[in-house]
Amino acid sequence: MLARRFTIVCLLMSLFGMFFAILVAEAGRPARSWDEATRLCRLACPTNLRH
């Protein structure tokens, strides 16, 4: 019984560790060029031309 609980806890902790590693890796990546272009275009390009 104790071994089963220990196994479940270890599996859950390894899943949490993998998800945390993915979050840390994504935060460290530089922004993609097309993401920057769309962000800048939203600010500079008028798409709503109401008078």
PDB file of N, CA and C in Angstrom:
ATOM      1  N   MET A   1       0.826  -1.201   0.000  1.00  0.00           N
ATOM      2  CA  MET A   1       0.000   0.000   0.000  1.00  0.00           C
ATOM      3  C   MET A   1       0.870   1.265   0.000  1.00  0.00           C
ATOM      4  N   LEU A   2       1.906   1.259   0.820  1.00  0.00           N
ATOM      5  CA  LEU A   2       2.792   2.414   0.886  1.00  0.00           C
ATOM      6  C   LEU A   2       3.578   2.571  -0.408  1.00  0.00           C
ATOM      7  N   ALA A   3       3.983   1.461  -1.003  1.00  0.00           N
ATOM      8  CA  ALA A   3       4.718   1.520  -2.268  1.00  0.00           C
ATOM      9  C   ALA A   3       3.827   2.073  -3.384  1.00  0.00           C
ATOM     10  N   ARG A   4       2.559   1.724  -3.380  1.00  0.00           N
ATOM     11  CA  ARG A   4       1.635   2.223  -4.396  1.00  0.00           C
ATOM     12  C   ARG A   4       1.456   3.732  -4.259  1.00  0.00           C
ATOM     13  N   ARG A   5       1.296   4.208  -3.043  1.00  0.00           N
ATOM     14  CA  ARG A   5       1.158   5.658  -2.839  1.00  0.00           C
ATOM     15  C   ARG A   5       2.427   6.388  -3.228  1.00  0.00           C
ATOM     16  N   PHE A   6       3.580   5.805  -2.875  1.00  0.00           N
ATOM     17  CA  PHE A   6       4.852   6.424  -3.236  1.00  0.00           C
ATOM     18  C   PHE A   6       5.004   6.500  -4.750  1.00  0.00           C
ATOM     19  N   THR A   7       4.578   5.463  -5.459  1.00  0.00           N
ATOM     20  CA  THR A   7       4.646   5.453  -6.923  1.00  0.00           C
ATOM     21  C   THR A   7       3.754   6.533  -7.521  1.00  0.00           C
ATOM     22  N   ILE A   8       2.555   6.661  -6.999  1.00  0.00           N
ATOM     23  CA  ILE A   8       1.623   7.679  -7.503  1.00  0.00           C
ATOM     24  C   ILE A   8       2.176   9.072  -7.254  1.00  0.00           C
ATOM     25  N   VAL A   9       2.731   9.298  -6.067  1.00  0.00           N
ATOM     26  CA  VAL A   9       3.298  10.610  -5.750  1.00  0.00           C
ATOM     27  C   VAL A   9       4.483  10.907  -6.663  1.00  0.00           C
ATOM     28  N   CYS A  10       5.324   9.913  -6.909  1.00  0.00           N
ATOM     29  CA  CYS A  10       6.480  10.130  -7.792  1.00  0.00           C
ATOM     30  C   CYS A  10       6.038  10.434  -9.216  1.00  0.00           C
ATOM     31  N   LEU A  11       5.032   9.753  -9.710  1.00  0.00           N
ATOM     32  CA  LEU A  11       4.531  10.019 -11.058  1.00  0.00           C
ATOM     33  C   LEU A  11       3.934  11.420 -11.160  1.00  0.00           C
ATOM     34  N   LEU A  12       3.169  11.809 -10.156  1.00  0.00           N
ATOM     35  CA  LEU A  12       2.590  13.156 -10.175  1.00  0.00           C
ATOM     36  C   LEU A  12       3.665  14.229 -10.096  1.00  0.00           C
ATOM     37  N   MET A  13       4.678  14.010  -9.290  1.00  0.00           N
ATOM     38  CA  MET A  13       5.760  14.989  -9.184  1.00  0.00           C
ATOM     39  C   MET A  13       6.564  15.070 -10.483  1.00  0.00           C
ATOM     40  N   SER A  14       6.743  13.947 -11.153  1.00  0.00           N
ATOM     41  CA  SER A  14       7.474  13.998 -12.430  1.00  0.00           C
ATOM     42  C   SER A  14       6.654  14.719 -13.492  1.00  0.00           C
ATOM     43  N   LEU A  15       5.342  14.531 -13.511  1.00  0.00           N
ATOM     44  CA  LEU A  15       4.498  15.281 -14.446  1.00  0.00           C
ATOM     45  C   LEU A  15       4.559  16.775 -14.153  1.00  0.00           C
ATOM     46  N   PHE A  16       4.470  17.142 -12.881  1.00  0.00           N
ATOM     47  CA  PHE A  16       4.569  18.548 -12.514  1.00  0.00           C
ATOM     48  C   PHE A  16       5.922  19.118 -12.934  1.00  0.00           C
ATOM     49  N   GLY A  17       6.977  18.354 -12.736  1.00  0.00           N
ATOM     50  CA  GLY A  17       8.306  18.804 -13.130  1.00  0.00           C
ATOM     51  C   GLY A  17       8.422  19.024 -14.625  1.00  0.00           C
ATOM     52  N   MET A  18       7.816  18.141 -15.411  1.00  0.00           N
ATOM     53  CA  MET A  18       7.867  18.305 -16.873  1.00  0.00           C
ATOM     54  C   MET A  18       7.091  19.541 -17.316  1.00  0.00           C
ATOM     55  N   PHE A  19       5.911  19.750 -16.748  1.00  0.00           N
ATOM     56  CA  PHE A  19       5.129  20.938 -17.110  1.00  0.00           C
ATOM     57  C   PHE A  19       5.840  22.216 -16.687  1.00  0.00           C
ATOM     58  N   PHE A  20       6.470  22.194 -15.526  1.00  0.00           N
ATOM     59  CA  PHE A  20       7.206  23.366 -15.065  1.00  0.00           C
ATOM     60  C   PHE A  20       8.405  23.637 -15.963  1.00  0.00           C
ATOM     61  N   ALA A  21       9.068  22.575 -16.413  1.00  0.00           N
ATOM     62  CA  ALA A  21      10.211  22.746 -17.322  1.00  0.00           C
ATOM     63  C   ALA A  21       9.760  23.332 -18.659  1.00  0.00           C
ATOM     64  N   ILE A  22       8.592  22.934 -19.136  1.00  0.00           N
ATOM     65  CA  ILE A  22       8.062  23.488 -20.387  1.00  0.00           C
ATOM     66  C   ILE A  22       7.776  24.984 -20.214  1.00  0.00           C
ATOM     67  N   LEU A  23       7.183  25.360 -19.079  1.00  0.00           N
ATOM     68  CA  LEU A  23       6.888  26.772 -18.836  1.00  0.00           C
ATOM     69  C   LEU A  23       8.164  27.601 -18.765  1.00  0.00           C
ATOM     70  N   VAL A  24       9.171  27.081 -18.093  1.00  0.00           N
ATOM     71  CA  VAL A  24      10.429  27.817 -17.970  1.00  0.00           C
ATOM     72  C   VAL A  24      11.108  27.943 -19.332  1.00  0.00           C
ATOM     73  N   ALA A  25      11.065  26.885 -20.131  1.00  0.00           N
ATOM     74  CA  ALA A  25      11.700  26.930 -21.454  1.00  0.00           C
ATOM     75  C   ALA A  25      10.973  27.908 -22.371  1.00  0.00           C
ATOM     76  N   GLU A  26       9.649  27.956 -22.311  1.00  0.00           N
ATOM     77  CA  GLU A  26       8.892  28.885 -23.148  1.00  0.00           C
ATOM     78  C   GLU A  26       9.139  30.326 -22.736  1.00  0.00           C
ATOM     79  N   ALA A  27       9.292  30.574 -21.458  1.00  0.00           N
ATOM     80  CA  ALA A  27       9.525  31.938 -20.995  1.00  0.00           C
ATOM     81  C   ALA A  27      10.912  32.433 -21.408  1.00  0.00           C
ATOM     82  N   GLY A  28      11.846  31.526 -21.584  1.00  0.00           N
ATOM     83  CA  GLY A  28      13.192  31.924 -21.944  1.00  0.00           C
ATOM     84  C   GLY A  28      13.411  32.109 -23.426  1.00  0.00           C
ATOM     85  N   ARG A  29      12.470  31.688 -24.236  1.00  0.00           N
ATOM     86  CA  ARG A  29      12.622  31.808 -25.687  1.00  0.00           C
ATOM     87  C   ARG A  29      12.372  33.232 -26.144  1.00  0.00           C
ATOM     88  N   PRO A  30      13.108  33.679 -27.144  1.00  0.00           N
ATOM     89  CA  PRO A  30      12.816  35.012 -27.696  1.00  0.00           C
ATOM     90  C   PRO A  30      11.507  34.971 -28.491  1.00  0.00           C
ATOM     91  N   ALA A  31      10.895  36.111 -28.637  1.00  0.00           N
ATOM     92  CA  ALA A  31       9.645  36.190 -29.381  1.00  0.00           C
ATOM     93  C   ALA A  31       9.892  35.913 -30.857  1.00  0.00           C
ATOM     94  N   ARG A  32       8.925  35.303 -31.485  1.00  0.00           N
ATOM     95  CA  ARG A  32       9.045  35.014 -32.920  1.00  0.00           C
ATOM     96  C   ARG A  32       8.869  36.289 -33.724  1.00  0.00           C
ATOM     97  N   SER A  33       9.466  36.300 -34.901  1.00  0.00           N
ATOM     98  CA  SER A  33       9.433  37.518 -35.707  1.00  0.00           C
ATOM     99  C   SER A  33       8.019  37.858 -36.163  1.00  0.00           C
ATOM    100  N   TRP A  34       7.204  36.837 -36.490  1.00  0.00           N
ATOM    101  CA  TRP A  34       5.853  37.157 -36.962  1.00  0.00           C
ATOM    102  C   TRP A  34       4.961  37.609 -35.817  1.00  0.00           C
ATOM    103  N   ASP A  35       5.248  37.192 -34.578  1.00  0.00           N
ATOM    104  CA  ASP A  35       4.486  37.709 -33.442  1.00  0.00           C
ATOM    105  C   ASP A  35       4.768  39.188 -33.236  1.00  0.00           C
ATOM    106  N   GLU A  36       6.009  39.569 -33.361  1.00  0.00           N
ATOM    107  CA  GLU A  36       6.375  40.980 -33.217  1.00  0.00           C
ATOM    108  C   GLU A  36       5.757  41.820 -34.331  1.00  0.00           C
ATOM    109  N   ALA A  37       5.738  41.283 -35.548  1.00  0.00           N
ATOM    110  CA  ALA A  37       5.194  42.037 -36.682  1.00  0.00           C
ATOM    111  C   ALA A  37       3.696  42.275 -36.513  1.00  0.00           C
ATOM    112  N   THR A  38       2.953  41.278 -36.056  1.00  0.00           N
ATOM    113  CA  THR A  38       1.513  41.473 -35.882  1.00  0.00           C
ATOM    114  C   THR A  38       1.236  42.418 -34.729  1.00  0.00           C
ATOM    115  N   ARG A  39       2.053  42.368 -33.693  1.00  0.00           N
ATOM    116  CA  ARG A  39       1.855  43.281 -32.569  1.00  0.00           C
ATOM    117  C   ARG A  39       2.115  44.723 -33.003  1.00  0.00           C
ATOM    118  N   LEU A  40       3.167  44.937 -33.779  1.00  0.00           N
ATOM    119  CA  LEU A  40       3.479  46.285 -34.249  1.00  0.00           C
ATOM    120  C   LEU A  40       2.445  46.766 -35.256  1.00  0.00           C
ATOM    121  N   CYS A  41       1.964  45.877 -36.100  1.00  0.00           N
ATOM    122  CA  CYS A  41       0.994  46.281 -37.108  1.00  0.00           C
ATOM    123  C   CYS A  41      -0.337  46.672 -36.459  1.00  0.00           C
ATOM    124  N   ARG A  42      -0.694  46.008 -35.382  1.00  0.00           N
ATOM    125  CA  ARG A  42      -1.922  46.383 -34.699  1.00  0.00           C
ATOM    126  C   ARG A  42      -1.837  47.802 -34.158  1.00  0.00           C
ATOM    127  N   LEU A  43      -0.649  48.188 -33.751  1.00  0.00           N
ATOM    128  CA  LEU A  43      -0.494  49.538 -33.212  1.00  0.00           C
ATOM    129  C   LEU A  43      -0.357  50.579 -34.320  1.00  0.00           C
ATOM    130  N   ALA A  44       0.338  50.233 -35.406  1.00  0.00           N
ATOM    131  CA  ALA A  44       0.666  51.227 -36.416  1.00  0.00           C
ATOM    132  C   ALA A  44      -0.301  51.229 -37.602  1.00  0.00           C
ATOM    133  N   CYS A  45      -0.863  50.093 -37.955  1.00  0.00           N
ATOM    134  CA  CYS A  45      -1.720  50.009 -39.142  1.00  0.00           C
ATOM    135  C   CYS A  45      -3.177  50.219 -38.741  1.00  0.00           C
ATOM    136  N   PRO A  46      -3.802  51.232 -39.247  1.00  0.00           N
ATOM    137  CA  PRO A  46      -5.223  51.426 -38.922  1.00  0.00           C
ATOM    138  C   PRO A  46      -6.081  50.451 -39.717  1.00  0.00           C
ATOM    139  N   THR A  47      -6.746  49.573 -39.012  1.00  0.00           N
ATOM    140  CA  THR A  47      -7.637  48.619 -39.694  1.00  0.00           C
ATOM    141  C   THR A  47      -9.095  49.050 -39.555  1.00  0.00           C
ATOM    142  N   ASN A  48      -9.358  49.973 -38.651  1.00  0.00           N
ATOM    143  CA  ASN A  48     -10.721  50.422 -38.429  1.00  0.00           C
ATOM    144  C   ASN A  48     -10.808  51.873 -38.890  1.00  0.00           C
ATOM    145  N   LEU A  49     -11.251  52.092 -40.123  1.00  0.00           N
ATOM    146  CA  LEU A  49     -11.263  53.430 -40.692  1.00  0.00           C
ATOM    147  C   LEU A  49     -12.659  54.025 -40.657  1.00  0.00           C
ATOM    148  N   ARG A  50     -13.126  54.345 -39.478  1.00  0.00           N
ATOM    149  CA  ARG A  50     -14.429  55.001 -39.354  1.00  0.00           C
ATOM    150  C   ARG A  50     -14.213  56.517 -39.255  1.00  0.00           C
ATOM    151  N   HIS A  51     -15.088  57.262 -39.895  1.00  0.00           N
ATOM    152  CA  HIS A  51     -14.968  58.729 -39.847  1.00  0.00           C
ATOM    153  C   HIS A  51     -16.062  59.315 -39.010  1.00  0.00           C
TER     154      HIS A  51
END
